[in-house]
Protein backbone atom coordinates (compact mmCIF):
# COMPACT_ATOMS: atom_id res chain seq x y z
CA MET A 1 56.31 47.41 30.47
CA PHE A 2 59.91 48.28 31.43
CA ASN A 3 60.40 48.85 35.15
CA HIS A 4 64.21 48.81 35.19
CA ILE A 5 64.96 50.92 32.10
CA ILE A 6 64.92 54.71 32.13
CA THR A 7 65.83 57.53 29.80
CA ASN A 8 66.89 60.77 31.43
CA PRO A 9 68.68 63.57 29.57
CA ALA A 10 70.80 64.17 32.70
CA ILE A 11 72.09 60.57 32.71
CA LEU A 12 74.30 59.37 29.86
CA GLY A 13 72.84 62.02 27.57
CA GLY A 14 69.44 60.34 27.64
CA LYS A 15 70.58 56.89 26.51
CA PRO A 16 68.35 54.12 27.85
CA SER A 17 69.98 52.83 31.02
CA ILE A 18 69.30 50.61 33.99
CA LYS A 19 67.53 52.59 36.71
CA GLY A 20 69.78 53.61 39.60
CA THR A 21 72.97 53.04 37.60
CA ARG A 22 74.99 54.68 34.86
CA ILE A 23 74.97 51.44 32.86
CA SER A 24 73.37 51.82 29.46
CA VAL A 25 71.41 49.22 27.54
CA GLU A 26 74.01 49.70 24.81
CA PHE A 27 76.80 48.72 27.24
CA ILE A 28 74.90 45.60 28.31
CA LEU A 29 74.62 44.59 24.64
CA GLU A 30 78.33 45.21 24.14
CA LEU A 31 79.14 42.96 27.10
CA PHE A 32 77.13 40.08 25.67
CA ALA A 33 78.44 40.70 22.15
CA SER A 34 81.99 40.40 23.48
CA GLY A 35 81.20 36.96 24.91
CA ALA A 36 80.15 37.74 28.48
CA THR A 37 77.58 35.47 30.12
CA PHE A 38 74.87 36.47 32.58
CA ASP A 39 77.09 35.18 35.37
CA ASP A 40 80.03 37.28 34.10
CA VAL A 41 77.92 40.44 34.01
CA LEU A 42 76.41 39.85 37.44
CA GLN A 43 79.81 39.06 38.99
CA THR A 44 81.45 42.12 37.45
CA TYR A 45 78.53 44.41 38.33
CA PRO A 46 77.10 42.91 41.55
CA HIS A 47 74.77 45.88 42.06
CA LEU A 48 72.78 44.79 38.97
CA GLN A 49 69.78 42.52 39.32
CA ARG A 50 69.40 39.68 36.84
CA GLU A 51 65.88 40.93 36.04
CA ALA A 52 67.26 44.35 35.10
CA VAL A 53 69.81 42.84 32.71
CA GLU A 54 67.14 40.61 31.16
CA GLU A 55 64.92 43.65 30.77
CA ALA A 56 67.73 45.56 29.07
CA LEU A 57 67.93 42.80 26.46
CA ARG A 58 64.16 42.83 25.96
CA PHE A 59 64.23 46.64 25.66
CA ALA A 60 66.91 46.43 22.95
CA ALA A 61 64.97 43.76 21.05
CA GLU A 62 61.75 45.76 21.25
CA SER A 63 63.53 48.92 20.09
CA LEU A 64 64.99 47.15 17.07
CA LYS A 65 61.56 45.95 15.98
CA HIS A 66 60.77 49.52 14.99
CA ASP A 67 64.02 50.22 13.11
CA SER A 68 64.42 49.81 9.40
CA LEU A 69 67.58 49.37 7.43
CA VAL A 70 68.25 51.76 4.59
CA THR A 71 71.03 51.00 2.15
CA ALA A 72 72.46 53.34 -0.42
CA GLU A 73 75.05 52.98 -3.11
CA ILE A 74 77.63 55.67 -3.57
CA ALA A 75 78.35 56.42 -7.18
CA SER A 76 82.02 56.44 -8.07
């Protein structure tokens, strides 16, 4: 399902990253969250393929589908 995303304990402590790079899925998300466009990312990191960046976004979305939010109140 994900050809460009790997997890390897020897690379970035096992964080999901783009194969053949030390660029994590988390970092890709941070770039877009800070306002970067696909063109910005691909110009800044020319060794990345557009398909790999797109897959990083799909990987993040798929991962979040399985998360749940837990809230707790702290008594004062």
